[in-house]
Protein backbone atom coordinates (compact mmCIF):
# COMPACT_ATOMS: atom_id res chain seq x y z
CA UNK A 1 7.85 8.75 -16.97
CA UNK A 2 4.67 7.59 -18.62
CA UNK A 3 1.61 9.81 -18.69
CA UNK A 4 -1.25 8.39 -16.67
CA UNK A 5 -4.01 7.76 -19.15
CA UNK A 6 -5.55 9.94 -21.84
CA UNK A 7 -7.50 13.16 -21.36
CA UNK A 8 -11.13 12.40 -20.41
CA UNK A 9 -12.49 13.92 -23.60
CA UNK A 10 -10.45 11.40 -25.63
CA UNK A 11 -11.97 8.39 -23.91
CA UNK A 12 -14.28 6.30 -26.13
CA UNK A 13 -17.90 6.31 -24.99
CA UNK A 14 -17.83 2.58 -24.04
CA UNK A 15 -15.03 3.33 -21.53
CA UNK A 16 -17.05 6.17 -20.01
CA UNK A 17 -20.09 3.90 -19.77
CA UNK A 18 -18.19 1.19 -17.95
CA UNK A 19 -16.61 3.70 -15.58
CA UNK A 20 -20.05 5.10 -14.78
CA UNK A 21 -21.42 1.60 -14.12
CA UNK A 22 -18.38 0.76 -11.99
CA UNK A 23 -18.82 3.85 -9.84
CA UNK A 24 -22.52 3.13 -9.42
CA UNK A 25 -21.76 -0.33 -8.03
CA UNK A 26 -18.78 0.81 -5.97
CA UNK A 27 -20.79 3.49 -4.18
CA UNK A 28 -23.41 0.90 -3.19
CA UNK A 29 -20.88 -0.95 -1.04
CA UNK A 30 -21.11 -0.29 2.73
CA UNK A 31 -17.29 -0.18 2.93
CA UNK A 32 -17.03 2.60 0.32
CA UNK A 33 -14.51 5.03 1.85
CA UNK A 34 -14.42 8.81 1.97
CA UNK A 35 -11.33 8.69 -0.28
CA UNK A 36 -13.31 6.74 -2.90
CA UNK A 37 -16.12 9.28 -2.64
CA UNK A 38 -13.63 12.09 -3.32
CA UNK A 39 -12.22 10.23 -6.33
CA UNK A 40 -15.77 9.74 -7.62
CA UNK A 41 -16.48 13.47 -7.29
CA UNK A 42 -13.23 14.26 -9.13
CA UNK A 43 -14.22 11.81 -11.88
CA UNK A 44 -17.64 13.49 -12.20
CA UNK A 45 -16.02 16.91 -12.55
CA UNK A 46 -13.44 15.79 -15.11
CA UNK A 47 -15.80 15.53 -18.09
CA UNK A 48 -19.46 16.55 -18.69
CA UNK A 49 -20.14 13.09 -20.14
CA UNK A 50 -19.29 11.49 -16.79
CA UNK A 51 -22.16 13.12 -14.90
CA UNK A 52 -24.51 12.61 -17.84
CA UNK A 53 -23.85 8.88 -18.18
CA UNK A 54 -23.80 8.35 -14.43
CA UNK A 55 -27.25 9.97 -14.15
CA UNK A 56 -28.53 7.66 -16.90
CA UNK A 57 -27.26 4.59 -15.04
CA UNK A 58 -28.78 5.86 -11.77
CA UNK A 59 -32.15 6.09 -13.48
CA UNK A 60 -31.73 2.64 -15.05
CA UNK A 61 -30.78 1.22 -11.64
CA UNK A 62 -33.94 2.72 -10.08
CA UNK A 63 -36.07 1.18 -12.81
CA UNK A 64 -34.43 -2.23 -12.39
CA UNK A 65 -34.82 -2.03 -8.63
CA UNK A 66 -38.51 -1.37 -9.02
CA UNK A 67 -38.93 -4.45 -11.21
CA UNK A 68 -37.18 -6.93 -8.88
CA UNK A 69 -39.27 -9.12 -6.57
CA UNK A 70 -38.75 -8.32 -2.90
CA UNK A 71 -37.58 -11.84 -2.10
CA UNK A 72 -34.45 -11.53 -4.22
CA UNK A 73 -31.16 -11.32 -2.38
CA UNK A 74 -28.79 -8.39 -2.74
CA UNK A 75 -26.48 -10.56 -4.82
CA UNK A 76 -29.32 -11.41 -7.21
CA UNK A 77 -30.29 -7.77 -7.40
CA UNK A 78 -26.76 -6.80 -8.29
CA UNK A 79 -26.62 -9.46 -11.01
CA UNK A 80 -29.88 -8.19 -12.45
CA UNK A 81 -28.55 -4.65 -12.42
CA UNK A 82 -25.36 -5.63 -14.20
CA UNK A 83 -27.34 -7.54 -16.81
CA UNK A 84 -29.48 -4.46 -17.34
CA UNK A 85 -26.41 -2.24 -17.80
CA UNK A 86 -24.94 -4.64 -20.34
CA UNK A 87 -28.29 -4.79 -22.13
CA UNK A 88 -28.37 -1.00 -22.25
CA UNK A 89 -25.05 -0.96 -24.09
CA UNK A 90 -26.27 -3.58 -26.54
CA UNK A 91 -29.46 -1.61 -27.24
CA UNK A 92 -27.37 1.44 -28.04
CA UNK A 93 -25.46 -0.59 -30.62
CA UNK A 94 -22.14 -0.09 -28.79
CA UNK A 95 -19.20 -2.49 -29.12
CA UNK A 96 -18.28 -4.71 -26.15
CA UNK A 97 -17.37 -2.45 -23.24
CA UNK A 98 -13.71 -2.06 -22.44
CA UNK A 99 -12.19 -0.70 -19.29
CA UNK A 100 -9.20 1.52 -19.97
CA UNK A 101 -8.00 3.34 -16.92
CA UNK A 102 -4.78 4.56 -15.36
CA UNK A 103 -4.23 4.46 -11.61
CA UNK A 104 -1.52 6.59 -10.08
CA UNK A 105 -0.39 7.17 -6.51
CA UNK A 106 1.70 10.06 -5.21
CA UNK A 107 4.73 9.83 -2.93
CA UNK A 108 3.50 8.57 0.44
CA UNK A 109 0.05 7.57 -0.90
CA UNK A 110 -1.34 4.04 -1.12
CA UNK A 111 -4.51 3.00 -2.88
CA UNK A 112 -6.79 -0.03 -3.17
CA UNK A 113 -9.18 -0.71 -6.04
CA UNK A 114 -11.83 -3.36 -6.62
CA UNK A 115 -12.16 -4.05 -10.34
CA UNK A 116 -15.35 -4.96 -12.18
CA UNK A 117 -14.36 -8.65 -12.35
CA UNK A 118 -13.87 -8.82 -8.56
CA UNK A 119 -10.08 -8.65 -8.67
CA UNK A 120 -8.43 -6.44 -6.08
CA UNK A 121 -5.44 -4.14 -6.61
CA UNK A 122 -3.29 -2.66 -3.85
CA UNK A 123 -0.91 0.04 -5.07
CA UNK A 124 2.17 1.16 -3.18
CA UNK A 125 3.20 4.81 -3.21
CA UNK A 126 4.60 6.46 -6.36
CA UNK A 127 3.12 3.80 -8.65
CA UNK A 128 1.62 4.05 -12.14
CA UNK A 129 -0.56 1.19 -13.40
CA UNK A 130 -2.66 1.07 -16.57
CA UNK A 131 -5.69 -1.20 -16.83
CA UNK A 132 -6.96 -2.55 -20.14
CA UNK A 133 -9.93 -4.91 -19.83
CA UNK A 134 -11.75 -6.19 -22.89
CA UNK A 135 -14.26 -8.88 -23.71
CA UNK A 136 -11.46 -11.42 -24.23
CA UNK A 137 -8.62 -10.52 -21.87
CA UNK A 138 -7.53 -8.64 -18.76
CA UNK A 139 -4.24 -6.80 -19.22
CA UNK A 140 -2.48 -4.48 -16.80
CA UNK A 141 0.70 -2.50 -17.38
CA UNK A 142 2.94 -1.64 -14.43
CA UNK A 143 4.75 1.48 -15.62
CA UNK A 144 6.61 1.92 -12.34
CA UNK A 145 6.29 1.18 -8.65
CA UNK A 146 4.74 -1.75 -6.86
CA UNK A 147 1.36 -3.45 -6.72
CA UNK A 148 -0.29 -6.51 -5.24
CA UNK A 149 -2.89 -8.39 -7.28
CA UNK A 150 -5.62 -10.61 -5.83
CA UNK A 151 -7.01 -12.10 -9.02
CA UNK A 152 -10.64 -13.20 -9.31
CA UNK A 153 -11.55 -16.30 -11.31
CA UNK A 154 -12.66 -15.37 -14.82
CA UNK A 155 -12.64 -17.03 -18.23
CA UNK A 156 -10.47 -14.20 -19.55
CA UNK A 157 -6.70 -14.50 -19.02
CA UNK A 158 -5.09 -12.04 -16.59
CA UNK A 159 -1.61 -10.68 -17.32
CA UNK A 160 0.68 -7.93 -16.04
CA UNK A 161 3.20 -6.29 -18.36
CA UNK A 162 6.23 -4.91 -16.49
CA UNK A 163 8.88 -3.65 -18.88
CA UNK A 164 9.90 -6.47 -21.19
CA UNK A 165 8.37 -9.14 -18.94
CA UNK A 166 4.84 -10.49 -19.21
CA UNK A 167 3.46 -12.14 -16.06
CA UNK A 168 0.57 -14.51 -16.65
CA UNK A 169 -1.58 -15.30 -13.66
CA UNK A 170 -3.06 -18.71 -12.96
CA UNK A 171 -5.59 -17.87 -10.22
CA UNK A 172 -3.45 -16.32 -7.54
CA UNK A 173 -2.29 -13.53 -5.23
CA UNK A 174 1.04 -11.97 -6.11
CA UNK A 175 3.02 -8.74 -5.93
CA UNK A 176 5.20 -7.08 -8.57
CA UNK A 177 7.83 -4.42 -8.00
CA UNK A 178 9.38 -2.49 -10.89
CA UNK A 179 12.34 -0.15 -10.36
CA UNK A 180 14.02 1.16 -13.50
CA UNK A 181 15.65 -1.98 -14.96
CA UNK A 182 14.87 -4.24 -12.00
CA UNK A 183 11.81 -6.43 -11.54
CA UNK A 184 10.72 -8.60 -8.61
CA UNK A 185 7.75 -11.00 -8.52
CA UNK A 186 6.57 -12.53 -5.23
CA UNK A 187 3.70 -15.04 -5.14
CA UNK A 188 1.61 -15.61 -2.03
CA UNK A 189 -0.59 -18.36 -3.46
CA UNK A 190 -1.34 -19.92 -6.83
CA UNK A 191 1.14 -19.64 -9.69
CA UNK A 192 2.53 -17.00 -12.04
CA UNK A 193 4.38 -17.56 -15.31
CA UNK A 194 7.03 -14.97 -16.17
CA UNK A 195 7.64 -14.68 -19.91
CA UNK A 196 10.99 -13.04 -20.63
CA UNK A 197 13.13 -14.78 -23.18
CA UNK A 198 12.87 -18.30 -24.53
CA UNK A 199 11.23 -20.34 -21.77
CA UNK A 200 8.67 -19.11 -19.20
CA UNK A 201 9.62 -19.18 -15.52
CA UNK A 202 7.04 -20.77 -13.21
CA UNK A 203 6.75 -19.07 -9.80
CA UNK A 204 4.55 -20.86 -7.27
CA UNK A 205 3.02 -19.85 -3.96
CA UNK A 206 5.68 -18.95 -1.39
CA UNK A 207 8.25 -18.21 -4.09
CA UNK A 208 9.91 -15.15 -5.62
CA UNK A 209 11.85 -14.34 -8.78
CA UNK A 210 13.89 -11.31 -9.76
CA UNK A 211 15.31 -9.90 -12.97
CA UNK A 212 17.79 -7.07 -13.43
CA UNK A 213 20.63 -5.80 -15.63
CA UNK A 214 22.77 -8.77 -14.61
CA UNK A 215 20.12 -11.30 -15.58
CA UNK A 216 17.50 -13.40 -13.80
CA UNK A 217 17.71 -15.05 -10.41
CA UNK A 218 16.65 -18.58 -9.64
CA UNK A 219 13.19 -19.05 -8.17
CA UNK A 220 13.63 -18.78 -4.39
CA UNK A 221 11.42 -19.17 -1.28
CA UNK A 222 9.72 -16.10 0.20
CA UNK A 223 7.87 -15.81 3.52
CA UNK A 224 4.21 -14.67 3.36
CA UNK A 225 5.03 -11.45 5.24
CA UNK A 226 7.65 -10.54 2.64
CA UNK A 227 5.34 -10.69 -0.39
CA UNK A 228 4.03 -7.14 0.10
CA UNK A 229 5.44 -5.87 3.44
CA UNK A 230 4.53 -2.28 2.56
CA UNK A 231 0.89 -3.19 3.20
CA UNK A 232 1.92 -3.70 6.84
CA UNK A 233 3.90 -0.46 6.93
CA UNK A 234 7.34 -2.07 6.77
CA UNK A 235 10.37 -2.27 4.52
CA UNK A 236 12.03 -5.68 4.48
CA UNK A 237 15.45 -5.84 2.84
CA UNK A 238 17.45 -9.01 2.18
CA UNK A 239 20.91 -8.19 0.85
CA UNK A 240 19.15 -5.48 -1.16
CA UNK A 241 21.39 -3.06 -3.10
CA UNK A 242 21.39 0.29 -1.33
CA UNK A 243 20.11 2.10 -4.44
CA UNK A 244 17.04 -0.16 -4.55
CA UNK A 245 16.43 0.22 -0.82
CA UNK A 246 16.53 4.01 -1.11
CA UNK A 247 14.09 3.86 -4.03
CA UNK A 248 11.65 2.21 -1.59
CA UNK A 249 12.30 4.93 1.00
CA UNK A 250 11.78 7.70 -1.54
CA UNK A 251 8.35 6.32 -2.45
CA UNK A 252 7.11 7.07 1.03
CA UNK A 253 8.79 10.37 1.91
CA UNK A 254 8.76 13.69 0.08
CA UNK A 255 12.40 14.46 1.00
CA UNK A 256 14.42 12.00 -1.13
CA UNK A 257 17.64 10.33 -0.05
CA UNK A 258 20.26 10.31 -2.82
CA UNK A 259 23.71 8.79 -3.16
CA UNK A 260 26.39 11.37 -3.83
CA UNK A 261 28.80 8.60 -4.86
CA UNK A 262 27.32 6.14 -7.42
CA UNK A 263 29.73 3.42 -6.25
CA UNK A 264 27.68 3.18 -3.04
CA UNK A 265 24.70 1.84 -4.99
CA UNK A 266 25.77 -1.80 -4.64
CA UNK A 267 26.25 -1.80 -0.86
CA UNK A 268 23.89 -4.45 0.54
CA UNK A 269 21.35 -3.85 3.28
CA UNK A 270 19.29 -6.37 5.27
CA UNK A 271 16.70 -5.91 7.97
CA UNK A 272 13.13 -4.87 8.74
CA UNK A 273 12.30 -1.18 9.23
CA UNK A 274 9.13 0.82 9.85
CA UNK A 275 8.25 2.92 6.81
CA UNK A 276 7.23 5.82 9.02
CA UNK A 277 10.71 5.89 10.60
CA UNK A 278 12.89 7.34 7.86
CA UNK A 279 15.32 8.72 10.43
CA UNK A 280 15.74 5.34 12.10
CA UNK A 281 16.70 3.73 8.81
CA UNK A 282 19.23 6.47 8.02
CA UNK A 283 20.75 6.16 11.50
CA UNK A 284 21.12 2.40 10.97
CA UNK A 285 22.88 2.95 7.64
CA UNK A 286 25.35 5.36 9.22
CA UNK A 287 26.13 2.78 11.92
CA UNK A 288 26.49 -0.16 9.53
CA UNK A 289 28.56 1.48 6.81
CA UNK A 290 31.28 4.15 6.56
CA UNK A 291 28.71 6.69 5.41
CA UNK A 292 28.09 10.33 6.22
CA UNK A 293 24.90 12.32 5.82
CA UNK A 294 24.61 15.73 4.27
CA UNK A 295 21.41 17.77 4.15
CA UNK A 296 20.67 19.75 1.02
CA UNK A 297 17.95 22.30 0.52
CA UNK A 298 15.24 19.78 -0.33
CA UNK A 299 16.99 16.40 -0.13
CA UNK A 300 19.38 14.26 1.89
CA UNK A 301 22.69 12.98 0.48
CA UNK A 302 24.67 9.94 1.58
CA UNK A 303 28.41 10.00 0.94
CA UNK A 304 31.51 8.14 2.02
CA UNK A 305 32.64 9.10 5.50
CA UNK A 306 36.02 10.81 5.31
CA UNK A 307 36.67 9.34 1.88
CA UNK A 308 36.76 5.81 3.34
CA UNK A 309 36.69 2.85 0.98
């Protein structure tokens, strides 16, 4: 398991500056949630430099606001503020600001983030994603879990690294799921190029592509509701190996479901289930397959019923 980011004191000053500017803009939004406010307070408390640089940007924002003509729109005001923040960095003789951040969700937790370029990230539970923005490129690293990307237009290329695969976006909305050695890419609109091996694989809107230990699948159709069904509170399985299906279940519930017999991993499951209804899914599995359920101290085991094949 990859560590989520570096200790705050090891962050370069340009990263701290951009984080401070990002929080300043994020907190101006009317839709800023209480959860975001709590994350901001935790960020402030994590390092003395955070509160110091944030206070400097607050003061700069007040000065810029005082200089703007009243007739300017909010969008124009925001652009002026951003220009002022960039100018501040230049005056300090700092290199081009980079955003280096790690986002992590716990079991059962989902999270949405609006990045500085306007791109939106939606993270499923138990996900680790690193962000590395620079002056010339936008790179993200999906260490584990699942995320949906709504990519904003920008001159800089946008790519997602997931294991050995590099996914290059061409102005689109897509979701990526990474489970151990398995990878799935589902595109809602636009196009993604998957680079893994000799020739890139082009995945268009309404299509999906998967890669695992047995190799890569062909590009196949996918319905819009199946691109990121977890955003609607559902699991959708289509001949999904039982081990992969249970990995999805264990993202959402603290009490994991494990296979006592590894040979059960390749049983296939299909259907749509509510993520909140763990018990309903387990009941369905026991009806569909010769499985039995055994409760351990802090986990649930699935095993073959009566030693059946």
